[in-house]
C-alpha atoms as a PDB file:
ATOM      1  CA  MET A   1     121.603  88.948  89.528  1.00  0.00           C
ATOM      2  CA  ALA A   2     122.385  91.879  91.896  1.00  0.00           C
ATOM      3  CA  ARG A   3     123.663  95.880  91.719  1.00  0.00           C
ATOM      4  CA  GLY A   4     126.954  96.727  92.469  1.00  0.00           C
ATOM      5  CA  ASP A   5     125.888  96.994  95.891  1.00  0.00           C
ATOM      6  CA  GLY A   6     124.362  93.807  96.493  1.00  0.00           C
ATOM      7  CA  ARG A   7     120.720  94.638  96.188  1.00  0.00           C
ATOM      8  CA  PRO A   8     118.820  92.702  93.608  1.00  0.00           C
ATOM      9  CA  VAL A   9     118.106  93.561  90.120  1.00  0.00           C
ATOM     10  CA  LEU A  10     114.086  93.055  89.983  1.00  0.00           C
ATOM     11  CA  ASN A  11     112.613  91.465  86.645  1.00  0.00           C
ATOM     12  CA  ASP A  12     109.366  93.340  87.110  1.00  0.00           C
ATOM     13  CA  ALA A  13     109.721  96.926  85.246  1.00  0.00           C
ATOM     14  CA  ARG A  14     107.406  98.385  87.436  1.00  0.00           C
ATOM     15  CA  THR A  15     108.942  97.368  90.362  1.00  0.00           C
ATOM     16  CA  ILE A  16     112.108  98.325  89.226  1.00  0.00           C
ATOM     17  CA  GLU A  17     110.855 101.917  88.032  1.00  0.00           C
ATOM     18  CA  MET A  18     109.210 102.041  91.587  1.00  0.00           C
ATOM     19  CA  SER A  19     113.193 101.315  93.179  1.00  0.00           C
ATOM     20  CA  ASP A  20     114.382 103.841  91.227  1.00  0.00           C
ATOM     21  CA  GLU A  21     111.989 106.427  92.482  1.00  0.00           C
ATOM     22  CA  LEU A  22     112.631 105.026  95.748  1.00  0.00           C
ATOM     23  CA  ASP A  23     116.019 105.484  95.500  1.00  0.00           C
ATOM     24  CA  ALA A  24     116.145 108.764  94.772  1.00  0.00           C
ATOM     25  CA  LEU A  25     115.094 109.273  98.146  1.00  0.00           C
ATOM     26  CA  VAL A  26     118.180 107.421  99.780  1.00  0.00           C
ATOM     27  CA  GLY A  27     119.881 110.201 102.099  1.00  0.00           C
ATOM     28  CA  GLN A  28     116.297 112.366 102.752  1.00  0.00           C
ATOM     29  CA  ARG A  29     114.380 112.349 106.042  1.00  0.00           C
ATOM     30  CA  VAL A  30     111.260 110.450 105.050  1.00  0.00           C
ATOM     31  CA  VAL A  31     107.895 109.431 106.691  1.00  0.00           C
ATOM     32  CA  LEU A  32     106.758 105.779 105.902  1.00  0.00           C
ATOM     33  CA  ASP A  33     102.709 105.723 106.114  1.00  0.00           C
ATOM     34  CA  THR A  34     101.675 102.097 106.888  1.00  0.00           C
ATOM     35  CA  GLY A  35      97.519 102.939 106.944  1.00  0.00           C
ATOM     36  CA  SER A  36      97.886 101.867 110.869  1.00  0.00           C
ATOM     37  CA  PRO A  37      98.397 103.964 113.765  1.00  0.00           C
ATOM     38  CA  THR A  38     101.832 103.368 113.476  1.00  0.00           C
ATOM     39  CA  VAL A  39     104.139 106.134 111.449  1.00  0.00           C
ATOM     40  CA  TYR A  40     107.778 105.866 110.695  1.00  0.00           C
ATOM     41  CA  LEU A  41     109.918 108.843 110.511  1.00  0.00           C
ATOM     42  CA  GLY A  42     113.757 108.909 109.844  1.00  0.00           C
ATOM     43  CA  LEU A  43     116.717 108.912 107.393  1.00  0.00           C
ATOM     44  CA  LEU A  44     116.308 106.527 104.609  1.00  0.00           C
ATOM     45  CA  ASP A  45     119.413 104.665 104.593  1.00  0.00           C
ATOM     46  CA  THR A  46     118.404 101.828 101.754  1.00  0.00           C
ATOM     47  CA  VAL A  47     115.317 100.382  99.888  1.00  0.00           C
ATOM     48  CA  THR A  48     115.728  96.835  99.207  1.00  0.00           C
ATOM     49  CA  ALA A  49     113.319  94.391  97.556  1.00  0.00           C
ATOM     50  CA  THR A  50     111.565  93.443 101.021  1.00  0.00           C
ATOM     51  CA  GLY A  51     111.840  96.914 102.889  1.00  0.00           C
ATOM     52  CA  PHE A  52     113.421 100.182 103.882  1.00  0.00           C
ATOM     53  CA  TRP A  53     116.102 100.927 106.159  1.00  0.00           C
ATOM     54  CA  LEU A  54     115.812 104.109 108.316  1.00  0.00           C
ATOM     55  CA  SER A  55     118.556 105.220 110.755  1.00  0.00           C
ATOM     56  CA  GLU A  56     117.709 108.014 113.303  1.00  0.00           C
ATOM     57  CA  ALA A  57     114.389 106.834 113.193  1.00  0.00           C
ATOM     58  CA  ASP A  58     111.282 107.348 115.279  1.00  0.00           C
ATOM     59  CA  VAL A  59     108.872 104.788 115.458  1.00  0.00           C
ATOM     60  CA  HIS A  60     105.533 106.125 117.184  1.00  0.00           C
ATOM     61  CA  ASP A  61     102.050 104.501 117.713  1.00  0.00           C
ATOM     62  CA  CYS A  62      99.603 106.804 117.685  1.00  0.00           C
ATOM     63  CA  ARG A  63      97.205 105.337 120.068  1.00  0.00           C
ATOM     64  CA  ASP A  64     100.058 105.504 122.703  1.00  0.00           C
ATOM     65  CA  GLY A  65      99.171 109.510 122.633  1.00  0.00           C
ATOM     66  CA  HIS A  66      96.533 111.771 121.529  1.00  0.00           C
ATOM     67  CA  ALA A  67      97.587 112.846 118.154  1.00  0.00           C
ATOM     68  CA  SER A  68      96.467 111.262 115.035  1.00  0.00           C
ATOM     69  CA  PRO A  69      99.065 110.306 112.443  1.00  0.00           C
ATOM     70  CA  GLU A  70      98.667 113.475 110.532  1.00  0.00           C
ATOM     71  CA  VAL A  71      99.381 115.480 113.333  1.00  0.00           C
ATOM     72  CA  TYR A  72     102.233 113.663 114.764  1.00  0.00           C
ATOM     73  CA  ILE A  73     103.902 113.940 111.445  1.00  0.00           C
ATOM     74  CA  LEU A  74     103.252 117.608 110.998  1.00  0.00           C
ATOM     75  CA  ALA A  75     104.923 118.110 114.201  1.00  0.00           C
ATOM     76  CA  ALA A  76     108.049 116.222 113.286  1.00  0.00           C
ATOM     77  CA  ALA A  77     107.961 118.404 110.054  1.00  0.00           C
ATOM     78  CA  THR A  78     107.894 121.310 111.840  1.00  0.00           C
ATOM     79  CA  ASP A  79     110.082 120.594 114.951  1.00  0.00           C
ATOM     80  CA  GLY A  80     112.086 118.064 113.854  1.00  0.00           C
ATOM     81  CA  ILE A  81     112.269 114.173 114.372  1.00  0.00           C
ATOM     82  CA  THR A  82     112.801 112.681 117.804  1.00  0.00           C
ATOM     83  CA  PRO A  83     114.806 109.362 117.221  1.00  0.00           C
ATOM     84  CA  ASN A  84     113.889 106.347 119.355  1.00  0.00           C
ATOM     85  CA  ARG A  85     115.652 103.842 117.199  1.00  0.00           C
ATOM     86  CA  LYS A  86     119.535 103.795 115.551  1.00  0.00           C
ATOM     87  CA  ARG A  87     118.206 102.039 112.924  1.00  0.00           C
ATOM     88  CA  VAL A  88     115.064 100.026 112.176  1.00  0.00           C
ATOM     89  CA  PHE A  89     113.713  97.804 109.105  1.00  0.00           C
ATOM     90  CA  VAL A  90     110.349  98.307 108.427  1.00  0.00           C
ATOM     91  CA  LEU A  91     108.882  95.903 105.956  1.00  0.00           C
ATOM     92  CA  ARG A  92     107.757  96.620 102.300  1.00  0.00           C
ATOM     93  CA  SER A  93     104.748  95.249 102.614  1.00  0.00           C
ATOM     94  CA  ALA A  94     103.632  97.232 105.741  1.00  0.00           C
ATOM     95  CA  VAL A  95     104.310 100.731 103.684  1.00  0.00           C
ATOM     96  CA  MET A  96     101.024 102.230 102.133  1.00  0.00           C
ATOM     97  CA  SER A  97     103.312 105.440 101.295  1.00  0.00           C
ATOM     98  CA  VAL A  98     107.025 107.069 101.217  1.00  0.00           C
ATOM     99  CA  SER A  99     107.112 111.166 101.158  1.00  0.00           C
ATOM    100  CA  ARG A 100     110.097 113.328 102.180  1.00  0.00           C
ATOM    101  CA  LEU A 101     109.344 114.795 105.419  1.00  0.00           C
ATOM    102  CA  SER A 102     110.250 118.069 103.915  1.00  0.00           C
ATOM    103  CA  GLU A 103     107.454 117.989 101.665  1.00  0.00           C
ATOM    104  CA  VAL A 104     104.550 117.519 104.035  1.00  0.00           C
ATOM    105  CA  ILE A 105     102.272 120.246 103.507  1.00  0.00           C
ATOM    106  CA  ALA A 106     102.661 122.833 106.981  1.00  0.00           C
ATOM    107  CA  ASP A 107      99.260 124.285 107.056  1.00  0.00           C
ATOM    108  CA  PHE A 108      97.363 121.187 107.929  1.00  0.00           C
ATOM    109  CA  THR A 109      94.693 122.534 110.151  1.00  0.00           C
ATOM    110  CA  PRO A 110      93.713 119.572 112.630  1.00  0.00           C
ATOM    111  CA  THR A 111      90.565 118.119 113.396  1.00  0.00           C
ATOM    112  CA  GLU A 112      88.980 118.937 116.924  1.00  0.00           C
ATOM    113  CA  GLY A 113      90.635 116.866 119.113  1.00  0.00           C
ATOM    114  CA  ASP A 114      94.360 116.313 117.342  1.00  0.00           C
ATOM    115  CA  THR A 115      96.778 117.843 119.506  1.00  0.00           C
ATOM    116  CA  PRO A 116     100.346 117.776 118.356  1.00  0.00           C
END
């Protein structure tokens, strides 16, 4: 069975509820936290059963620089996203949390050695 937009309707009530909450973020600039040094930032276009489509996305591996994921996200929240991908698909299994970029707390105090 599919919704009007072609996405599948999931049978697990918890999954449907979570999908509805994620659908509320469609059209927003979001942060996809992975629990790894890789951070995904961008405009959330679509949420599917298997993942997230972001456009005007920044895929950043924090091992390539000196900033922790938290500091990098804070810099994007303050200065804006610098896209390096037109679109990217991120597997749902890789994502630990999703939040609006506008809801990042700007008064985060970085630890010594962290620089944006």
